[in-house]
Amino acid sequence: MSARNAEVETEFGDGRYTFRLGLGELEELQEKCDAGPGFILGRLMSPRMEWKLEDVRHTIRLGLIGGGMKSTEAFKLVERYIDERPAWAENAKLAQAILALAIFGPAEEEAEDPEK
């Protein structure tokens, strides 16, 4: 995980990928889901699973793109590992982690002494 740009490398589908939501990706996520990032995160974190399918799909897709993947490849992975073989609760947890990291930053940053 990189503290400077809030990216995470983790398992998804057939391999290990880097996920990151920068400003551009967050703006697109907001547009695609018709809600702000904080609201989407609230849905993803809801114990009653109030998230929408698009919250999950677009967060993961845009996280892959923000992590450096070409958009065509990100679309293919989402189609293959979300649309064709959905494990929605598992994928919602991944989307939650990606979006929370973008909003709050890595835990290491929170623990740092602000005087340094």
Protein backbone atom coordinates (compact mmCIF):
# COMPACT_ATOMS: atom_id res chain seq x y z
CA MET A 1 0.00 0.00 0.00
CA SER A 2 1.32 3.44 -0.86
CA ALA A 3 0.67 6.16 1.71
CA ARG A 4 1.06 8.94 -0.83
CA ASN A 5 -1.61 7.91 -3.31
CA ALA A 6 -3.90 5.59 -1.32
CA GLU A 7 -3.53 2.54 -3.52
CA VAL A 8 -3.89 -1.06 -2.51
CA GLU A 9 -2.71 -4.22 -4.20
CA THR A 10 -4.94 -7.22 -3.55
CA GLU A 11 -6.38 -10.40 -5.04
CA PHE A 12 -9.24 -10.11 -7.51
CA GLY A 13 -10.41 -12.71 -9.99
CA ASP A 14 -7.39 -14.38 -11.56
CA GLY A 15 -4.58 -12.40 -9.98
CA ARG A 16 -3.26 -9.62 -7.83
CA TYR A 17 -4.12 -6.09 -8.98
CA THR A 18 -3.55 -2.52 -7.90
CA PHE A 19 -6.63 -0.43 -7.08
CA ARG A 20 -6.72 3.34 -6.62
CA LEU A 21 -9.44 5.96 -6.88
CA GLY A 22 -8.03 9.37 -7.77
CA LEU A 23 -10.05 12.53 -8.31
CA GLY A 24 -11.03 11.63 -11.88
CA GLU A 25 -12.18 8.16 -10.90
CA LEU A 26 -14.14 9.51 -7.93
CA GLU A 27 -15.87 12.04 -10.17
CA GLU A 28 -16.84 9.31 -12.62
CA LEU A 29 -18.01 7.05 -9.79
CA GLN A 30 -20.19 9.86 -8.49
CA GLU A 31 -21.67 10.35 -11.96
CA LYS A 32 -22.23 6.65 -12.67
CA CYS A 33 -23.85 5.95 -9.28
CA ASP A 34 -25.70 9.28 -8.99
CA ALA A 35 -24.35 9.76 -5.47
CA GLY A 36 -21.32 11.19 -3.72
CA PRO A 37 -18.44 8.92 -2.67
CA GLY A 38 -19.37 9.17 1.02
CA PHE A 39 -22.96 8.15 0.31
CA ILE A 40 -21.80 5.23 -1.84
CA LEU A 41 -19.43 4.13 0.93
CA GLY A 42 -22.32 4.29 3.40
CA ARG A 43 -24.33 1.95 1.19
CA LEU A 44 -21.36 -0.40 0.80
CA MET A 45 -20.84 -0.48 4.58
CA SER A 46 -24.50 -0.98 5.43
CA PRO A 47 -25.06 -4.13 7.50
CA ARG A 48 -28.36 -4.55 5.62
CA MET A 49 -26.52 -4.66 2.27
CA GLU A 50 -28.17 -1.53 0.91
CA TRP A 51 -25.60 -1.12 -1.86
CA LYS A 52 -26.54 -1.12 -5.50
CA LEU A 53 -24.95 -3.39 -8.07
CA GLU A 54 -23.49 -0.36 -9.82
CA ASP A 55 -21.81 0.76 -6.57
CA VAL A 56 -19.85 -2.47 -6.59
CA ARG A 57 -19.14 -2.74 -10.31
CA HIS A 58 -18.06 0.85 -10.91
CA THR A 59 -15.96 1.13 -7.75
CA ILE A 60 -13.94 -1.94 -8.67
CA ARG A 61 -13.68 -1.03 -12.37
CA LEU A 62 -12.60 2.54 -11.66
CA GLY A 63 -10.23 1.33 -8.94
CA LEU A 64 -8.48 -0.88 -11.50
CA ILE A 65 -8.24 2.02 -13.95
CA GLY A 66 -6.92 4.34 -11.25
CA GLY A 67 -4.40 1.64 -10.36
CA GLY A 68 -2.96 1.85 -13.86
CA MET A 69 -4.97 -0.66 -15.88
CA LYS A 70 -6.30 0.21 -19.33
CA SER A 71 -10.06 0.78 -19.25
CA THR A 72 -10.74 -1.98 -21.79
CA GLU A 73 -8.94 -4.52 -19.61
CA ALA A 74 -10.74 -3.29 -16.48
CA PHE A 75 -14.10 -3.72 -18.26
CA LYS A 76 -13.12 -7.29 -19.23
CA LEU A 77 -12.13 -8.21 -15.67
CA VAL A 78 -15.33 -6.77 -14.21
CA GLU A 79 -17.39 -8.59 -16.80
CA ARG A 80 -15.55 -11.87 -16.15
CA TYR A 81 -15.31 -11.80 -12.35
CA ILE A 82 -18.37 -9.78 -11.35
CA ASP A 83 -21.01 -9.94 -14.08
CA GLU A 84 -20.49 -13.55 -15.21
CA ARG A 85 -19.62 -15.09 -11.83
CA PRO A 86 -21.05 -12.79 -9.22
CA ALA A 87 -20.18 -13.13 -5.60
CA TRP A 88 -21.82 -9.83 -4.74
CA ALA A 89 -21.17 -9.75 -1.00
CA GLU A 90 -17.48 -10.58 -1.49
CA ASN A 91 -17.13 -8.02 -4.27
CA ALA A 92 -18.96 -5.41 -2.16
CA LYS A 93 -16.30 -5.86 0.55
CA LEU A 94 -13.58 -5.20 -2.01
CA ALA A 95 -15.41 -2.12 -3.31
CA GLN A 96 -15.83 -0.89 0.27
CA ALA A 97 -12.09 -1.27 0.95
CA ILE A 98 -11.13 0.54 -2.27
CA LEU A 99 -13.50 3.45 -1.66
CA ALA A 100 -12.71 3.77 2.07
CA LEU A 101 -9.02 4.00 1.25
CA ALA A 102 -9.69 6.75 -1.28
CA ILE A 103 -11.80 8.74 1.18
CA PHE A 104 -9.89 8.24 4.43
CA GLY A 105 -6.41 7.35 3.22
CA PRO A 106 -4.31 4.55 4.64
CA ALA A 107 -4.34 3.89 8.39
CA GLU A 108 -0.60 4.67 8.59
CA GLU A 109 -1.31 8.30 7.70
CA GLU A 110 -3.81 8.61 10.53
CA ALA A 111 -1.32 7.26 13.05
CA GLU A 112 1.49 9.63 12.04
CA ASP A 113 2.48 12.43 14.36
CA PRO A 114 1.21 15.72 12.83
CA GLU A 115 4.25 17.51 14.32
CA LYS A 116 6.62 15.63 11.97
